[in-house]
Amino acid sequence: MFGLMFNARTSGSWPCRRPSGLRSLPHLTERSPSMSSDSHWLPPADRDLQVMELKTSGWVEVEERDAIFKELHFKTFNQAFGFMSRVALQAEKMNHHPEWFNVYNKVQITLTTHDCGGLSKRDIKMAKFIDKIATSM
């Protein structure tokens, strides 16, 4: 039989925390004192600026989630798989893995940071890396 493996976390062990409902409260731009100094949390003003920049390269915001999405099309399956392999190597280096789906030459990518409950600096960095790799292929 196969078993399900997971790590249980207590409320104080998340690497970054965002107060719930932050998107609806844009005046809350300060980090919570309970957040660690190495947090990847993205303040709302920075988030809006970064997402606006990413939208110019085809990223869209996901409805009902604090996430971004992009669909890429390549000439062949091999090119799509090569792209995914390059992104996978970077994801391992960053310890930040995308949600993605591939059928033949199409790759759909969603970026969000589950530990933060939404977009983080890591998602922005990964999205920019993905754009750089996609344009080089």
C-alpha atoms as a PDB file:
ATOM      1  CA  MET A   1       0.000   0.000   0.000  1.00  0.00           C
ATOM      2  CA  PHE A   2       1.045   3.540  -0.618  1.00  0.00           C
ATOM      3  CA  GLY A   3       1.093   5.996   2.251  1.00  0.00           C
ATOM      4  CA  LEU A   4       0.679   9.730   2.313  1.00  0.00           C
ATOM      5  CA  MET A   5       3.667  11.637   3.655  1.00  0.00           C
ATOM      6  CA  PHE A   6       3.377  15.154   5.047  1.00  0.00           C
ATOM      7  CA  ASN A   7       4.908  17.447   7.619  1.00  0.00           C
ATOM      8  CA  ALA A   8       2.625  18.836  10.276  1.00  0.00           C
ATOM      9  CA  ARG A   9       3.347  22.441  11.176  1.00  0.00           C
ATOM     10  CA  THR A  10       2.273  24.435  14.142  1.00  0.00           C
ATOM     11  CA  SER A  11       0.921  27.935  13.638  1.00  0.00           C
ATOM     12  CA  GLY A  12       4.240  29.499  14.625  1.00  0.00           C
ATOM     13  CA  SER A  13       6.403  27.466  12.277  1.00  0.00           C
ATOM     14  CA  TRP A  14       5.379  28.885   8.879  1.00  0.00           C
ATOM     15  CA  PRO A  15       8.302  30.603   7.143  1.00  0.00           C
ATOM     16  CA  CYS A  16       6.220  33.644   6.314  1.00  0.00           C
ATOM     17  CA  ARG A  17       2.863  34.829   7.482  1.00  0.00           C
ATOM     18  CA  ARG A  18       0.462  37.325   6.004  1.00  0.00           C
ATOM     19  CA  PRO A  19      -2.498  38.598   8.006  1.00  0.00           C
ATOM     20  CA  SER A  20      -5.674  37.136   6.545  1.00  0.00           C
ATOM     21  CA  GLY A  21      -7.602  39.508   4.313  1.00  0.00           C
ATOM     22  CA  LEU A  22      -4.528  41.633   3.569  1.00  0.00           C
ATOM     23  CA  ARG A  23      -5.463  42.115  -0.077  1.00  0.00           C
ATOM     24  CA  SER A  24      -8.646  43.858   1.009  1.00  0.00           C
ATOM     25  CA  LEU A  25      -6.721  46.095   3.426  1.00  0.00           C
ATOM     26  CA  PRO A  26      -4.131  47.909   1.265  1.00  0.00           C
ATOM     27  CA  HIS A  27      -3.159  50.263   4.108  1.00  0.00           C
ATOM     28  CA  LEU A  28      -1.515  47.340   5.951  1.00  0.00           C
ATOM     29  CA  THR A  29       1.928  47.577   4.380  1.00  0.00           C
ATOM     30  CA  GLU A  30       4.031  46.944   7.475  1.00  0.00           C
ATOM     31  CA  ARG A  31       5.283  43.468   8.234  1.00  0.00           C
ATOM     32  CA  SER A  32       3.890  41.807  11.284  1.00  0.00           C
ATOM     33  CA  PRO A  33       6.322  41.758  14.216  1.00  0.00           C
ATOM     34  CA  SER A  34       5.841  38.006  14.363  1.00  0.00           C
ATOM     35  CA  MET A  35       7.290  37.607  10.855  1.00  0.00           C
ATOM     36  CA  SER A  36      10.893  36.494  10.660  1.00  0.00           C
ATOM     37  CA  SER A  37      13.461  38.878   9.188  1.00  0.00           C
ATOM     38  CA  ASP A  38      14.166  36.457   6.341  1.00  0.00           C
ATOM     39  CA  SER A  39      10.516  36.351   5.287  1.00  0.00           C
ATOM     40  CA  HIS A  40       9.645  36.115   1.613  1.00  0.00           C
ATOM     41  CA  TRP A  41       6.399  37.990   2.206  1.00  0.00           C
ATOM     42  CA  LEU A  42       5.581  40.589  -0.446  1.00  0.00           C
ATOM     43  CA  PRO A  43       4.142  43.885   0.849  1.00  0.00           C
ATOM     44  CA  PRO A  44       1.001  45.006  -1.054  1.00  0.00           C
ATOM     45  CA  ALA A  45       2.635  48.012  -2.745  1.00  0.00           C
ATOM     46  CA  ASP A  46       5.540  45.885  -3.993  1.00  0.00           C
ATOM     47  CA  ARG A  47       3.143  43.113  -4.978  1.00  0.00           C
ATOM     48  CA  ASP A  48       1.004  45.396  -7.117  1.00  0.00           C
ATOM     49  CA  LEU A  49       4.045  46.885  -8.872  1.00  0.00           C
ATOM     50  CA  GLN A  50       5.647  43.492  -9.541  1.00  0.00           C
ATOM     51  CA  VAL A  51       2.395  41.897 -10.779  1.00  0.00           C
ATOM     52  CA  MET A  52       1.761  44.852 -13.092  1.00  0.00           C
ATOM     53  CA  GLU A  53       5.235  44.360 -14.573  1.00  0.00           C
ATOM     54  CA  LEU A  54       4.691  40.604 -15.013  1.00  0.00           C
ATOM     55  CA  LYS A  55       1.339  41.188 -16.736  1.00  0.00           C
ATOM     56  CA  THR A  56       3.234  42.875 -19.591  1.00  0.00           C
ATOM     57  CA  SER A  57       4.884  39.518 -20.326  1.00  0.00           C
ATOM     58  CA  GLY A  58       1.660  37.499 -20.274  1.00  0.00           C
ATOM     59  CA  TRP A  59       1.169  36.575 -16.610  1.00  0.00           C
ATOM     60  CA  VAL A  60      -2.379  36.912 -15.275  1.00  0.00           C
ATOM     61  CA  GLU A  61      -3.744  36.946 -11.742  1.00  0.00           C
ATOM     62  CA  VAL A  62      -5.694  33.850 -10.734  1.00  0.00           C
ATOM     63  CA  GLU A  63      -9.245  34.492  -9.552  1.00  0.00           C
ATOM     64  CA  GLU A  64     -10.084  33.308  -6.034  1.00  0.00           C
ATOM     65  CA  ARG A  65      -6.366  32.806  -5.204  1.00  0.00           C
ATOM     66  CA  ASP A  66      -3.376  35.028  -4.592  1.00  0.00           C
ATOM     67  CA  ALA A  67      -1.437  33.495  -7.487  1.00  0.00           C
ATOM     68  CA  ILE A  68      -0.244  34.223 -11.006  1.00  0.00           C
ATOM     69  CA  PHE A  69      -0.665  32.047 -14.111  1.00  0.00           C
ATOM     70  CA  LYS A  70       0.924  31.818 -17.545  1.00  0.00           C
ATOM     71  CA  GLU A  71       0.456  29.483 -20.495  1.00  0.00           C
ATOM     72  CA  LEU A  72       3.381  28.936 -22.834  1.00  0.00           C
ATOM     73  CA  HIS A  73       3.398  27.250 -26.241  1.00  0.00           C
ATOM     74  CA  PHE A  74       6.471  25.714 -27.827  1.00  0.00           C
ATOM     75  CA  LYS A  75       7.146  24.238 -31.257  1.00  0.00           C
ATOM     76  CA  THR A  76       7.474  20.655 -30.035  1.00  0.00           C
ATOM     77  CA  PHE A  77       7.083  18.456 -26.989  1.00  0.00           C
ATOM     78  CA  ASN A  78      10.886  18.224 -26.705  1.00  0.00           C
ATOM     79  CA  GLN A  79      11.178  22.002 -26.537  1.00  0.00           C
ATOM     80  CA  ALA A  80       8.419  22.194 -23.895  1.00  0.00           C
ATOM     81  CA  PHE A  81      10.035  19.421 -21.855  1.00  0.00           C
ATOM     82  CA  GLY A  82      13.459  21.062 -22.172  1.00  0.00           C
ATOM     83  CA  PHE A  83      11.955  24.296 -20.866  1.00  0.00           C
ATOM     84  CA  MET A  84      10.364  22.450 -17.942  1.00  0.00           C
ATOM     85  CA  SER A  85      13.667  20.757 -17.146  1.00  0.00           C
ATOM     86  CA  ARG A  86      15.472  24.093 -16.960  1.00  0.00           C
ATOM     87  CA  VAL A  87      12.759  25.529 -14.718  1.00  0.00           C
ATOM     88  CA  ALA A  88      12.849  22.390 -12.555  1.00  0.00           C
ATOM     89  CA  LEU A  89      16.596  22.794 -11.955  1.00  0.00           C
ATOM     90  CA  GLN A  90      16.063  26.404 -10.869  1.00  0.00           C
ATOM     91  CA  ALA A  91      13.104  25.392  -8.701  1.00  0.00           C
ATOM     92  CA  GLU A  92      15.317  22.901  -6.869  1.00  0.00           C
ATOM     93  CA  LYS A  93      17.984  25.571  -6.313  1.00  0.00           C
ATOM     94  CA  MET A  94      15.363  27.954  -4.923  1.00  0.00           C
ATOM     95  CA  ASN A  95      13.444  25.208  -3.104  1.00  0.00           C
ATOM     96  CA  HIS A  96      10.355  26.756  -4.666  1.00  0.00           C
ATOM     97  CA  HIS A  97       8.334  24.566  -6.999  1.00  0.00           C
ATOM     98  CA  PRO A  98       5.650  25.644  -9.478  1.00  0.00           C
ATOM     99  CA  GLU A  99       2.261  24.105 -10.000  1.00  0.00           C
ATOM    100  CA  TRP A 100       2.307  23.118 -13.645  1.00  0.00           C
ATOM    101  CA  PHE A 101       0.643  21.082 -16.335  1.00  0.00           C
ATOM    102  CA  ASN A 102       2.017  19.922 -19.688  1.00  0.00           C
ATOM    103  CA  VAL A 103       0.328  18.498 -22.760  1.00  0.00           C
ATOM    104  CA  TYR A 104       2.518  18.086 -25.831  1.00  0.00           C
ATOM    105  CA  ASN A 105       3.851  21.598 -26.606  1.00  0.00           C
ATOM    106  CA  LYS A 106       1.783  23.495 -24.027  1.00  0.00           C
ATOM    107  CA  VAL A 107       2.942  24.299 -20.472  1.00  0.00           C
ATOM    108  CA  GLN A 108       0.637  25.947 -17.935  1.00  0.00           C
ATOM    109  CA  ILE A 109       2.280  27.372 -14.823  1.00  0.00           C
ATOM    110  CA  THR A 110       0.748  28.713 -11.603  1.00  0.00           C
ATOM    111  CA  LEU A 111       2.961  30.376  -9.020  1.00  0.00           C
ATOM    112  CA  THR A 112       2.024  30.952  -5.390  1.00  0.00           C
ATOM    113  CA  THR A 113       3.721  30.343  -2.067  1.00  0.00           C
ATOM    114  CA  HIS A 114       1.616  27.955  -0.041  1.00  0.00           C
ATOM    115  CA  ASP A 115       3.547  28.697   3.162  1.00  0.00           C
ATOM    116  CA  CYS A 116       2.585  32.371   2.825  1.00  0.00           C
ATOM    117  CA  GLY A 117      -0.903  31.802   1.520  1.00  0.00           C
ATOM    118  CA  GLY A 118      -0.224  33.807  -1.616  1.00  0.00           C
ATOM    119  CA  LEU A 119       2.350  35.544  -3.777  1.00  0.00           C
ATOM    120  CA  SER A 120       5.807  36.053  -2.375  1.00  0.00           C
ATOM    121  CA  LYS A 121       9.146  37.413  -3.512  1.00  0.00           C
ATOM    122  CA  ARG A 122      10.049  33.867  -4.522  1.00  0.00           C
ATOM    123  CA  ASP A 123       7.142  33.737  -6.994  1.00  0.00           C
ATOM    124  CA  ILE A 124       8.219  37.005  -8.590  1.00  0.00           C
ATOM    125  CA  LYS A 125      11.800  35.763  -8.888  1.00  0.00           C
ATOM    126  CA  MET A 126      10.627  32.456 -10.388  1.00  0.00           C
ATOM    127  CA  ALA A 127       8.284  34.207 -12.853  1.00  0.00           C
ATOM    128  CA  LYS A 128      11.134  36.408 -14.087  1.00  0.00           C
ATOM    129  CA  PHE A 129      13.368  33.363 -14.477  1.00  0.00           C
ATOM    130  CA  ILE A 130      10.617  31.554 -16.418  1.00  0.00           C
ATOM    131  CA  ASP A 131      10.221  34.540 -18.744  1.00  0.00           C
ATOM    132  CA  LYS A 132      13.983  34.672 -19.330  1.00  0.00           C
ATOM    133  CA  ILE A 133      14.173  30.944 -20.158  1.00  0.00           C
ATOM    134  CA  ALA A 134      11.070  31.037 -22.377  1.00  0.00           C
ATOM    135  CA  THR A 135      12.444  33.874 -24.501  1.00  0.00           C
ATOM    136  CA  SER A 136      15.775  32.076 -24.943  1.00  0.00           C
ATOM    137  CA  MET A 137      14.165  28.960 -26.439  1.00  0.00           C
END
